[in-house]
Structures are given as structure tokens and as C-alpha cells.
Protein backbone atom coordinates (compact mmCIF):
# COMPACT_ATOMS: atom_id res chain seq x y z
CA MET A 1 0.00 0.00 0.00
CA HIS A 2 1.13 3.48 -0.83
CA LEU A 3 -0.41 6.01 1.55
CA SER A 4 0.98 9.41 2.42
CA TYR A 5 -0.32 12.37 4.36
CA VAL A 6 0.70 15.99 4.47
CA MET A 7 0.25 18.68 7.11
CA THR A 8 1.05 22.35 6.89
CA GLN A 9 1.20 25.12 9.47
CA GLU A 10 -0.61 27.94 7.68
CA ARG A 11 -4.40 27.89 7.35
CA GLY A 12 -5.40 26.87 3.82
CA ALA A 13 -1.85 25.91 2.81
CA THR A 14 -2.64 22.19 2.56
CA ASP A 15 -5.55 22.96 0.22
CA LYS A 16 -3.27 25.05 -2.02
CA LEU A 17 -0.54 22.39 -1.97
CA LEU A 18 -2.89 19.54 -2.93
CA THR A 19 -4.51 21.64 -5.66
CA ALA A 20 -1.07 22.39 -7.11
CA LEU A 21 -0.16 18.70 -6.80
CA ALA A 22 -3.30 17.72 -8.72
CA GLU A 23 -2.44 20.16 -11.50
CA ARG A 24 1.16 18.89 -11.67
CA LEU A 25 0.19 15.21 -11.70
CA GLN A 26 -2.49 15.74 -14.37
CA ALA A 27 0.05 17.64 -16.50
CA ASP A 28 2.41 14.68 -16.03
CA GLY A 29 -0.26 12.36 -17.44
CA LEU A 30 -1.27 10.50 -14.30
CA ARG A 31 -4.89 9.42 -13.85
CA LEU A 32 -6.40 11.05 -10.77
CA ALA A 33 -9.49 10.75 -8.62
CA GLY A 34 -10.40 12.55 -5.42
CA ILE A 35 -11.19 16.04 -4.26
CA VAL A 36 -9.21 19.22 -3.73
CA GLN A 37 -10.51 22.20 -1.79
CA THR A 38 -10.71 25.90 -2.51
CA ASN A 39 -11.53 28.40 0.22
CA THR A 40 -13.22 31.65 -0.74
CA GLU A 41 -13.18 34.51 1.71
CA CYS A 42 -16.60 35.88 2.60
CA TYR A 43 -16.87 39.61 2.85
CA ASP A 44 -19.74 39.51 5.35
CA ASN A 45 -18.33 36.78 7.55
CA ALA A 46 -15.03 35.96 9.25
CA LEU A 47 -15.22 32.42 7.90
CA CYS A 48 -14.63 31.29 4.34
CA ASP A 49 -16.76 29.25 1.96
CA MET A 50 -15.33 25.80 1.29
CA ASP A 51 -15.67 24.23 -2.14
CA VAL A 52 -14.27 20.92 -3.36
CA ARG A 53 -13.52 20.09 -6.97
CA VAL A 54 -14.03 16.46 -7.89
CA LEU A 55 -11.03 15.15 -9.83
CA PRO A 56 -10.06 14.81 -12.56
CA ALA A 57 -12.34 17.48 -14.04
CA GLY A 58 -15.63 17.12 -12.27
CA GLU A 59 -18.12 19.21 -10.47
CA THR A 60 -17.27 21.87 -7.88
CA ILE A 61 -19.38 21.34 -4.76
CA ARG A 62 -19.82 23.77 -1.86
CA ILE A 63 -19.27 21.70 1.28
CA SER A 64 -19.70 24.52 3.80
CA GLN A 65 -22.98 25.91 5.01
CA SER A 66 -23.83 29.17 6.68
CA LEU A 67 -25.08 28.56 10.20
CA GLY A 68 -25.46 32.22 11.13
CA PRO A 69 -23.17 34.65 12.93
CA GLU A 70 -23.70 33.17 16.41
CA ALA A 71 -23.17 29.53 15.43
CA ARG A 72 -20.27 27.65 16.98
CA GLY A 73 -20.71 24.20 15.41
CA CYS A 74 -19.09 22.57 12.42
CA ARG A 75 -20.00 24.28 9.15
CA LEU A 76 -19.49 21.18 7.02
CA ASN A 77 -22.54 20.28 4.95
CA PRO A 78 -22.47 16.47 5.25
CA ASP A 79 -24.91 15.97 2.36
CA ALA A 80 -22.66 17.95 0.03
CA LEU A 81 -19.59 16.02 1.17
CA GLU A 82 -21.39 12.72 0.59
CA ARG A 83 -22.30 13.86 -2.94
CA ALA A 84 -18.59 14.39 -3.60
CA VAL A 85 -17.80 11.02 -2.01
CA GLY A 86 -20.28 9.32 -4.34
CA GLN A 87 -18.70 10.90 -7.40
CA VAL A 88 -15.19 9.92 -6.30
CA THR A 89 -16.32 6.37 -5.53
CA ALA A 90 -17.76 6.11 -9.04
CA ALA A 91 -14.49 7.42 -10.50
CA LEU A 92 -12.55 4.61 -8.81
CA GLY A 93 -14.43 2.12 -11.00
CA GLN A 94 -13.49 3.78 -14.29
CA ASP A 95 -11.44 1.99 -16.90
CA PRO A 96 -8.58 2.69 -16.91
CA ALA A 97 -8.58 3.04 -13.13
CA PRO A 98 -7.15 6.11 -11.43
CA GLN A 99 -3.55 5.71 -10.35
CA VAL A 100 -3.74 8.34 -7.62
CA LEU A 101 -6.39 9.40 -5.11
CA LEU A 102 -6.05 12.87 -3.61
CA VAL A 103 -8.08 13.72 -0.51
CA ASN A 104 -8.25 17.32 0.59
CA LYS A 105 -8.47 16.46 4.27
CA PHE A 106 -8.87 13.57 6.66
CA GLY A 107 -11.06 15.57 9.00
CA LYS A 108 -13.56 14.94 11.78
CA HIS A 109 -15.99 13.20 9.45
CA GLU A 110 -13.28 10.77 8.36
CA ALA A 111 -12.05 10.32 11.94
CA ASP A 112 -15.61 9.23 12.77
CA GLY A 113 -15.58 6.66 9.92
CA ARG A 114 -17.53 8.70 7.34
CA GLY A 115 -16.73 11.02 4.46
CA MET A 116 -13.75 10.02 2.33
CA ARG A 117 -12.54 7.33 4.76
CA PRO A 118 -14.17 4.37 2.94
CA VAL A 119 -13.00 5.80 -0.39
CA ILE A 120 -9.41 5.83 0.85
CA GLY A 121 -9.73 2.17 1.82
CA GLU A 122 -11.28 1.28 -1.54
CA ALA A 123 -8.55 3.10 -3.46
CA LEU A 124 -5.80 1.35 -1.50
CA ALA A 125 -7.48 -2.02 -2.06
CA ARG A 126 -7.48 -1.30 -5.80
CA GLY A 127 -3.73 -0.50 -5.73
CA ALA A 128 -4.00 3.27 -6.11
CA VAL A 129 -1.54 5.65 -4.50
CA VAL A 130 -3.26 7.86 -1.91
CA VAL A 131 -2.25 11.30 -0.63
CA SER A 132 -4.38 12.99 2.02
CA GLY A 133 -4.22 16.26 3.84
CA VAL A 134 -4.50 15.92 7.61
CA ASN A 135 -4.90 18.59 10.25
CA ARG A 136 -3.22 18.38 13.64
CA MET A 137 -6.52 17.67 15.43
CA ASN A 138 -7.06 14.46 13.42
CA VAL A 139 -3.55 13.13 12.87
CA ASP A 140 -3.89 10.52 15.64
CA ALA A 141 -7.18 9.25 14.16
CA PHE A 142 -5.55 9.13 10.71
CA GLN A 143 -2.58 7.16 12.01
CA THR A 144 -4.91 4.73 13.78
CA PHE A 145 -6.88 4.31 10.53
CA ALA A 146 -3.65 3.83 8.53
CA GLU A 147 -2.39 1.13 10.91
CA GLY A 148 1.22 2.25 10.58
CA VAL A 149 1.48 2.15 6.77
CA ALA A 150 1.16 5.89 6.08
CA GLN A 151 4.20 8.03 5.47
CA GLU A 152 4.24 11.70 6.41
CA ALA A 153 5.21 13.74 3.37
CA GLN A 154 7.04 17.02 3.40
CA PRO A 155 4.75 19.95 2.56
CA ASP A 156 6.76 20.68 -0.58
CA LEU A 157 5.26 20.36 -4.06
CA ASP A 158 8.36 18.96 -5.75
CA ALA A 159 9.05 16.40 -3.01
CA LEU A 160 5.40 15.33 -2.88
CA ALA A 161 5.18 14.95 -6.66
CA ALA A 162 8.39 12.90 -6.67
CA TRP A 163 6.97 10.62 -3.93
CA VAL A 164 3.76 10.10 -5.91
CA HIS A 165 5.64 9.25 -9.12
CA SER A 166 7.86 6.77 -7.26
CA ALA A 167 4.85 5.20 -5.52
CA VAL A 168 2.94 4.90 -8.83
CA GLU A 169 5.93 3.09 -10.38
CA LYS A 170 6.15 0.72 -7.39
CA ALA A 171 2.38 0.09 -7.46
CA ALA A 172 2.53 -0.73 -11.17
CA ALA A 173 5.43 -3.16 -10.59
CA GLU A 174 3.55 -4.80 -7.70
CA ALA A 175 0.48 -5.24 -9.90
CA THR A 176 2.47 -7.21 -12.46
CA ASP A 177 4.14 -9.52 -9.91
């Protein structure tokens, strides 16, 4: 299995890194599935809108919801996330199959066993290389899920792209053995 995760310090930096990685890997000719996130600042709110783009060139889905100025709960719209999950799951069954799954974040939903978590397992079972963003709050849950097989990647585009290419080559060789 080829599973890597990346964490960054600056808010939104992981989203930018994984979006740039998706663009680089697509330009390199790799077949991708997954989601990458874009955050749009709201002018009437201190919080941003969160959108995910389904890879390789699918729909953009708003996964945040406005709960009002006094709300303190999670702004994730679980129905919207599950719509994205369904599209990514369908993409895993395409022929030819995706070589790489990118997941914007292993967050609270995934830590609780929902969201992209089953998709990650499915992709790994199919021999795909998986890269996921992880925030500090959920890294322990991610490592428990990964059962010691995940490698932490450096938050550097060139290093991450090189790791993916190497992992794709190894996965292809393993598939022919």
C-alpha cells in the first residue's frame, strides 16, 4: 500500500498544496481521482466558503454551510460532502482506473468513519496511491486508521510529486508480480 499524508502550518496551505499537486500530476499524465478544496473569503463573515472540486475534471461542490453569525458548530454540509464522495467512488471504478487518489483532508468526518474514509480504503485495495491532507486535530485518528502504513510527506510540491511518481511506479510493478 502506498499512503501518504501531508500537514502544513498555515491555514489553507494544505488545500493550495494539494490543488497544485493535482495540476502537476495531471500535467504529467497521471490518472487522478479525489477532491481538492478551494476556500473563498466571505466579505460579510469571518469564515470562508469551502468548495471541493471532484477530480479529474468534475463538479465543484460547496461543502460549507452558513449557520449564522452566532453559530459555533461545524459548518461542514455532510450531504454535500457525501455527494462528492459518491462521485469519487464512481471514479474509482473507471477503466482505466485512477492511479492516484487525492483527498483534501482527513477531518472529523473521516475520523468518525464517514466522508472520504471508505474511499481511501477502496482506493488502496485497488492498488492506487493515496495522498491525504490531515490537520493536527485528526492526525492521531488518521494514524490509527492507517495502521502504521502511512508516510508523512514534506509539505513541498516537488518532493510530494516525486513521492507520488515513485509510488505509482512501485504500485505498477507490484500489480504485475
